[in-house]
Protein backbone atom coordinates (compact mmCIF):
# COMPACT_ATOMS: atom_id res chain seq x y z
CA MET A 1 -4.00 26.69 13.03
CA GLN A 2 -3.15 27.53 9.40
CA THR A 3 -3.58 25.17 6.81
CA ASP A 4 -0.84 24.04 4.61
CA ARG A 5 -2.43 23.96 0.45
CA ARG A 6 -0.54 21.61 -2.16
CA PRO A 7 1.18 23.74 -4.37
CA GLY A 8 -0.16 23.27 -8.20
CA PRO A 9 2.74 22.40 -10.00
CA MET A 10 3.12 19.20 -7.99
CA ARG A 11 -0.66 18.32 -9.19
CA SER A 12 -0.06 16.92 -12.73
CA ARG A 13 0.00 13.42 -13.85
CA SER A 14 2.06 13.89 -16.70
CA SER A 15 4.69 12.06 -15.32
CA LEU A 16 4.69 9.13 -13.23
CA ALA A 17 8.23 9.88 -12.02
CA ALA A 18 8.84 11.66 -8.65
CA PRO A 19 9.72 15.36 -8.51
CA SER A 20 13.26 16.15 -8.64
CA ASP A 21 13.94 17.70 -4.79
CA SER A 22 14.40 20.96 -6.02
CA GLU A 23 10.84 21.37 -7.83
CA ILE A 24 9.67 20.22 -4.73
CA LYS A 25 11.36 22.63 -2.74
CA ALA A 26 10.48 25.37 -5.04
CA ALA A 27 6.77 24.77 -5.28
CA ALA A 28 6.60 24.21 -1.36
CA MET A 29 8.80 27.73 -1.07
CA LYS A 30 6.39 29.45 -3.77
CA ASN A 31 3.30 28.79 -2.34
CA GLY A 32 4.62 29.57 1.29
CA GLN A 33 4.59 26.03 2.39
CA ALA A 34 6.74 23.75 4.97
CA LEU A 35 8.54 20.68 3.72
CA ARG A 36 7.72 17.27 5.63
CA ASP A 37 10.93 14.39 6.13
CA THR A 38 8.82 11.57 4.82
CA GLY A 39 11.48 9.34 6.66
CA LEU A 40 12.63 7.70 3.82
CA LYS A 41 15.75 8.32 1.55
CA ALA A 42 14.72 7.98 -1.93
CA VAL A 43 11.37 10.21 -1.38
CA GLY A 44 12.97 12.93 0.97
CA GLU A 45 10.57 15.67 2.24
CA VAL A 46 7.10 16.42 0.89
CA PRO A 47 4.85 18.85 1.11
CA TRP A 48 1.12 18.64 2.64
CA GLY A 49 -1.11 16.55 0.34
CA THR A 50 0.91 14.28 -1.10
CA HIS A 51 -0.15 10.51 -2.11
CA PHE A 52 2.54 8.37 -3.70
CA SER A 53 3.03 4.79 -3.97
CA ILE A 54 5.76 2.33 -2.87
CA PHE A 55 6.04 -1.32 -4.81
CA TYR A 56 7.70 -3.27 -2.21
CA GLU A 57 9.10 -6.83 -2.47
CA THR A 58 9.45 -8.93 0.70
CA LYS A 59 7.64 -8.43 4.22
CA LYS A 60 11.30 -7.13 5.27
CA ASP A 61 11.41 -4.43 2.99
CA LEU A 62 7.87 -3.59 3.44
CA LEU A 63 8.84 -2.87 7.33
CA GLU A 64 11.82 -0.52 5.92
CA ILE A 65 9.17 1.47 4.80
CA VAL A 66 7.03 1.75 7.61
CA VAL A 67 8.85 2.08 10.55
CA PRO A 68 10.89 4.95 9.58
CA PHE A 69 8.27 6.58 7.84
CA PHE A 70 6.22 6.59 11.18
CA LYS A 71 8.93 7.38 13.60
CA ALA A 72 10.04 10.60 11.00
CA GLY A 73 6.01 11.47 11.43
CA LEU A 74 6.22 11.23 15.58
CA GLN A 75 9.41 12.94 15.53
CA ALA A 76 7.28 15.38 13.78
CA ASN A 77 4.52 15.65 15.88
CA GLU A 78 1.70 14.04 12.72
CA PHE A 79 -0.63 11.89 14.11
CA CYS A 80 0.41 7.81 12.40
CA LEU A 81 -2.45 5.66 11.40
CA TRP A 82 -1.52 2.37 9.95
CA ILE A 83 -4.16 0.30 7.93
CA VAL A 84 -3.35 -3.03 7.83
CA ALA A 85 -3.99 -5.07 4.87
CA ASN A 86 -3.90 -8.78 4.42
CA SER A 87 -2.99 -8.06 1.20
CA GLU A 88 0.14 -6.91 3.09
CA LEU A 89 0.58 -10.84 4.23
CA LEU A 90 1.67 -8.77 7.95
CA THR A 91 -1.51 -9.67 10.47
CA PHE A 92 -3.16 -7.18 12.74
CA ASN A 93 -1.48 -8.09 15.81
CA GLU A 94 1.78 -8.85 13.87
CA ALA A 95 2.03 -5.18 12.68
CA LYS A 96 1.67 -4.27 16.42
CA ALA A 97 4.32 -6.44 18.06
CA VAL A 98 6.60 -4.82 15.33
CA PHE A 99 5.89 -1.27 16.49
CA ARG A 100 6.08 -2.48 20.10
CA GLU A 101 9.70 -3.59 19.25
CA ALA A 102 10.72 -0.91 16.79
CA VAL A 103 9.10 2.01 18.84
CA PRO A 104 10.17 3.38 22.81
CA ASP A 105 7.12 4.10 24.92
CA PHE A 106 5.13 2.03 21.90
CA ASP A 107 2.04 1.04 24.12
CA ARG A 108 2.10 4.60 25.64
CA LEU A 109 2.24 5.97 22.63
CA LEU A 110 -0.81 4.28 21.36
CA LYS A 111 -2.71 4.84 24.45
CA ALA A 112 -2.50 8.61 24.16
CA GLY A 113 -3.25 8.33 20.37
CA LYS A 114 -0.79 9.65 19.08
CA ILE A 115 -0.24 6.51 17.12
CA GLU A 116 -3.72 4.24 15.45
CA ILE A 117 -3.35 1.00 14.01
CA VAL A 118 -6.32 -0.38 12.56
CA PRO A 119 -7.75 -3.76 10.31
CA TYR A 120 -9.03 -3.13 6.90
CA HIS A 121 -12.20 -4.23 7.28
CA LYS A 122 -12.68 -2.16 10.33
CA TRP A 123 -12.36 0.78 8.08
CA PHE A 124 -13.37 0.21 4.22
CA LEU A 125 -16.55 -2.28 4.74
CA THR A 126 -19.67 -1.90 6.33
CA GLY A 127 -21.19 -5.67 6.31
CA ARG A 128 -18.88 -7.01 4.09
CA ALA A 129 -19.43 -4.66 1.22
CA VAL A 130 -16.74 -1.46 0.38
CA ASP A 131 -18.20 1.50 1.27
CA MET A 132 -16.19 4.15 -0.20
CA ARG A 133 -17.61 7.13 0.96
CA LYS A 134 -17.75 6.46 4.82
CA ALA A 135 -14.30 5.09 4.08
CA ILE A 136 -13.21 8.63 2.64
CA THR A 137 -15.27 10.59 5.00
CA ARG A 138 -13.11 8.90 8.24
CA PHE A 139 -9.94 9.61 6.52
CA ARG A 140 -11.31 13.92 6.27
CA LYS A 141 -12.62 12.99 10.18
CA ARG A 142 -9.04 11.72 11.86
CA SER A 143 -7.23 14.71 9.84
CA SER A 144 -9.83 17.18 11.15
CA GLU A 145 -9.90 15.69 14.79
CA ALA A 146 -5.57 15.61 14.69
CA VAL A 147 -4.89 18.82 13.74
CA LYS A 148 -7.53 20.24 16.53
CA ARG A 149 -5.53 17.54 19.68
CA GLY A 150 -2.55 19.93 18.72
CA PHE A 151 -0.47 17.01 15.70
CA SER A 152 0.97 19.15 13.05
CA GLY A 153 -0.93 16.77 10.61
CA THR A 154 -1.75 13.05 9.81
CA ARG A 155 0.70 10.45 8.06
CA LEU A 156 -0.99 7.41 7.05
CA THR A 157 -0.10 4.41 4.89
CA GLY A 158 -2.00 1.05 3.96
CA SER A 159 -2.17 -1.05 0.82
CA PRO A 160 -5.14 -0.41 -0.49
CA ALA A 161 -4.36 -3.34 -3.47
CA TRP A 162 -6.77 -6.36 -2.01
CA MET A 163 -9.45 -3.53 -2.54
CA ARG A 164 -9.13 -4.64 -6.54
CA ASP A 165 -10.64 -7.97 -5.22
CA ASN A 166 -13.58 -5.38 -4.09
CA LEU A 167 -14.35 -3.00 -6.74
CA HIS A 168 -14.18 -3.02 -10.30
CA ALA A 169 -11.14 -1.52 -11.88
CA ARG A 170 -13.15 1.79 -12.71
CA SER A 171 -15.07 1.99 -8.96
CA PHE A 172 -11.21 1.31 -7.48
CA ARG A 173 -9.58 4.11 -9.62
CA GLU A 174 -12.17 6.53 -8.80
CA PHE A 175 -11.63 5.68 -5.11
CA GLU A 176 -8.06 6.83 -5.46
CA GLN A 177 -8.85 9.46 -7.59
CA LYS A 178 -11.56 10.81 -4.42
CA PHE A 179 -8.72 10.23 -1.99
CA ASP A 180 -6.63 11.96 -4.08
CA GLY A 181 -8.71 14.85 -4.13
CA GLN A 182 -9.56 14.78 -0.37
CA ILE A 183 -5.90 14.75 0.77
CA THR A 184 -5.01 18.08 -1.08
CA ARG A 185 -7.51 19.62 1.55
CA GLU A 186 -5.71 18.26 4.43
CA GLN A 187 -2.57 18.10 6.20
CA MET A 188 -2.06 14.98 5.52
CA ILE A 189 1.02 12.75 3.94
CA VAL A 190 -0.17 8.91 2.54
CA ALA A 191 2.03 6.27 1.39
CA CYS A 192 0.10 4.05 -0.15
CA THR A 193 1.89 0.31 -0.01
CA PHE A 194 1.72 -2.71 -2.71
CA PRO A 195 3.48 -5.75 -2.63
CA LEU A 196 5.17 -6.39 -5.80
CA ARG A 197 4.55 -9.89 -5.45
CA LEU A 198 1.19 -10.54 -5.60
CA SER A 199 0.78 -7.23 -8.28
CA GLY A 200 1.06 -7.68 -12.11
CA ALA A 201 2.74 -5.28 -14.34
CA GLU A 202 -1.05 -4.37 -15.27
CA ASP A 203 -1.37 -3.42 -11.40
CA ILE A 204 1.15 -1.12 -10.91
CA LEU A 205 0.34 0.47 -14.27
CA ASN A 206 -2.86 1.20 -13.09
CA ALA A 207 -1.19 1.70 -9.32
CA ALA A 208 0.25 4.48 -10.32
CA ARG A 209 -1.60 6.26 -12.44
CA THR A 210 -3.85 6.88 -9.19
CA HIS A 211 -0.96 8.91 -7.61
CA GLN A 212 1.60 11.37 -7.63
CA PHE A 213 4.16 9.36 -7.87
CA ALA A 214 6.04 6.02 -7.47
CA VAL A 215 8.92 4.96 -5.44
CA THR A 216 10.19 0.98 -5.44
CA LEU A 217 11.87 -1.08 -2.50
CA ARG A 218 13.45 -4.41 -3.20
CA LYS A 219 15.57 -5.97 -0.96
CA GLY A 220 16.99 -2.62 0.36
CA ALA A 221 17.06 -1.10 -2.90
CA TRP A 222 14.71 1.97 -3.52
CA LYS A 223 14.42 3.18 -6.91
CA ARG A 224 11.85 5.97 -8.21
CA VAL A 225 9.42 4.48 -10.66
CA GLU A 226 9.28 6.26 -14.21
CA ILE A 227 6.57 5.33 -16.80
CA SER A 228 9.26 3.31 -19.60
CA ASP A 229 9.78 1.09 -16.05
CA ILE A 230 6.17 -0.15 -16.33
CA GLU A 231 5.82 -0.67 -20.07
CA SER A 232 9.25 -2.50 -20.47
CA ALA A 233 7.85 -5.07 -17.41
CA ARG A 234 4.14 -5.52 -19.08
CA ARG A 235 6.35 -6.32 -22.24
CA GLU A 236 8.89 -8.65 -20.67
CA ALA A 237 5.74 -10.74 -18.14
CA ARG A 238 4.26 -11.03 -22.02
CA GLN A 239 7.47 -12.88 -22.91
CA THR A 240 8.47 -14.98 -20.31
CA THR A 241 6.24 -17.46 -18.19
CA SER A 242 5.40 -14.97 -16.08
CA LEU A 243 2.81 -14.19 -18.16
CA GLU A 244 0.36 -17.21 -16.53
CA LEU A 245 0.51 -15.64 -13.52
CA GLU A 246 -0.92 -12.18 -14.80
CA THR A 247 -3.28 -14.19 -16.01
CA LEU A 248 -4.36 -14.47 -11.43
CA THR A 249 -6.61 -12.35 -10.38
CA PHE A 250 -5.34 -10.35 -7.21
CA ARG A 251 -7.14 -12.59 -5.23
CA GLN A 252 -5.70 -15.86 -7.06
CA ARG A 253 -2.36 -14.57 -6.75
CA GLU A 254 -2.58 -13.83 -2.55
CA ILE A 255 -4.16 -17.35 -2.40
CA LEU A 256 -1.52 -18.94 -4.19
CA GLN A 257 1.70 -17.29 -2.69
CA LEU A 258 -0.36 -18.21 0.91
CA VAL A 259 -0.46 -22.28 -0.24
CA ALA A 260 2.41 -21.82 -1.49
CA GLN A 261 4.02 -20.70 2.09
CA GLY A 262 2.37 -23.88 3.12
CA GLN A 263 -0.61 -21.76 4.59
CA ASN A 264 -3.26 -24.90 5.45
CA THR A 265 -6.90 -23.26 3.94
CA LYS A 266 -8.15 -22.29 7.82
CA GLN A 267 -5.18 -20.52 7.86
CA ILE A 268 -5.69 -19.01 4.71
CA ALA A 269 -9.15 -18.21 5.05
CA ASP A 270 -8.47 -16.74 8.88
CA LEU A 271 -5.59 -14.38 7.13
CA LEU A 272 -8.19 -13.27 4.16
CA GLY A 273 -11.43 -12.60 6.37
CA ILE A 274 -12.81 -15.49 3.77
CA SER A 275 -14.90 -18.75 4.06
CA VAL A 276 -12.79 -21.80 4.14
CA LYS A 277 -15.28 -22.74 1.42
CA THR A 278 -14.35 -19.43 -0.99
CA VAL A 279 -10.87 -20.40 -0.88
CA GLU A 280 -11.29 -23.85 -1.24
CA ALA A 281 -13.12 -22.49 -4.87
CA HIS A 282 -10.31 -20.18 -5.63
CA ARG A 283 -8.18 -22.86 -5.12
CA LEU A 284 -10.20 -25.22 -7.73
CA GLN A 285 -10.40 -21.98 -10.19
CA LEU A 286 -6.56 -21.99 -10.05
CA MET A 287 -5.75 -25.78 -10.63
CA ARG A 288 -8.21 -25.51 -13.60
CA ARG A 289 -6.58 -22.23 -14.88
CA LEU A 290 -3.04 -23.14 -14.92
CA ASN A 291 -3.58 -26.65 -15.52
CA ILE A 292 -1.88 -28.15 -12.60
CA GLY A 293 -3.40 -31.12 -10.28
CA ASN A 294 -1.92 -30.69 -7.01
CA ILE A 295 -0.58 -28.36 -4.28
CA PRO A 296 3.04 -29.29 -5.02
CA GLY A 297 2.06 -28.30 -8.94
CA LEU A 298 1.34 -24.58 -7.15
CA VAL A 299 4.01 -24.40 -5.05
CA ARG A 300 6.75 -25.33 -7.95
CA PHE A 301 4.69 -23.19 -10.27
CA ALA A 302 4.54 -20.19 -7.53
CA ILE A 303 9.06 -20.70 -7.18
CA ARG A 304 8.86 -21.06 -11.09
CA THR A 305 7.66 -17.37 -11.66
CA GLY A 306 8.73 -15.89 -8.60
CA LEU A 307 5.91 -15.57 -6.38
CA VAL A 308 7.46 -17.24 -3.39
CA SER A 309 11.67 -17.73 -3.33
CA ALA A 310 12.86 -21.66 -3.00
CA GLU A 311 14.48 -20.70 -0.06
CA GLY A 312 11.49 -19.99 1.67
């Protein structure tokens, strides 16, 4: 099977906005490359080698990304891989349950190796440390195996947001850049998902810079992300009470959200794959940084800054 190559014009980082449909089609046709339907209306068709980010607001939004994305892949004879990260606030078992309900014959497809759902720690961690080299090797191996098994290529989604708590910002960018370089040599389409409520404006800017383009999904409404949108969000954050939220680390926001949602210490530890003592330490740091002395105060803060809904 001949391997398609990603057209050069699509590699530019001069703009964070997605190229127009006509630009994508023209570049792909020039290189003799077939387009793949993403199943996502704000993205449309893209060539192999596309690596983009989607920022979403709610768990329902996440499912409206992943389900149609993979359904389109299955229809196009693509191997579908979902690496489930705790930063999505969706457990490995919940992810499987979602597909069992949404995709006919899910268990048969899973057994046949047409779909694979993997928890992030099994893919990225060696012991307790993130191993970028091994993770990228795994992606390359899966992509190669998929083509050998007769698939058109590989379709992948997952949230690398949690890695920012395990890697320095520079290391995170290096990983994304190396991964992006790998994708250009493979028959792969990759959609990285980021929860907006756990991401500060600076986080969004950094993530958008390491992907070919970005879109958002908020309560069912899709939007292409422009660089001006991100800069505006950063300025707005500095002028509102969410500035306090911006000072928290990704892990602290993650734990704050779970506390505000009523999860106890053990439940948070289990969900995030960390110890009870680590959760307690983060919670104490939260209270000190925000000058809040109790759990109800943390809940009120989370609601006031929009990290969780007052409606639960």
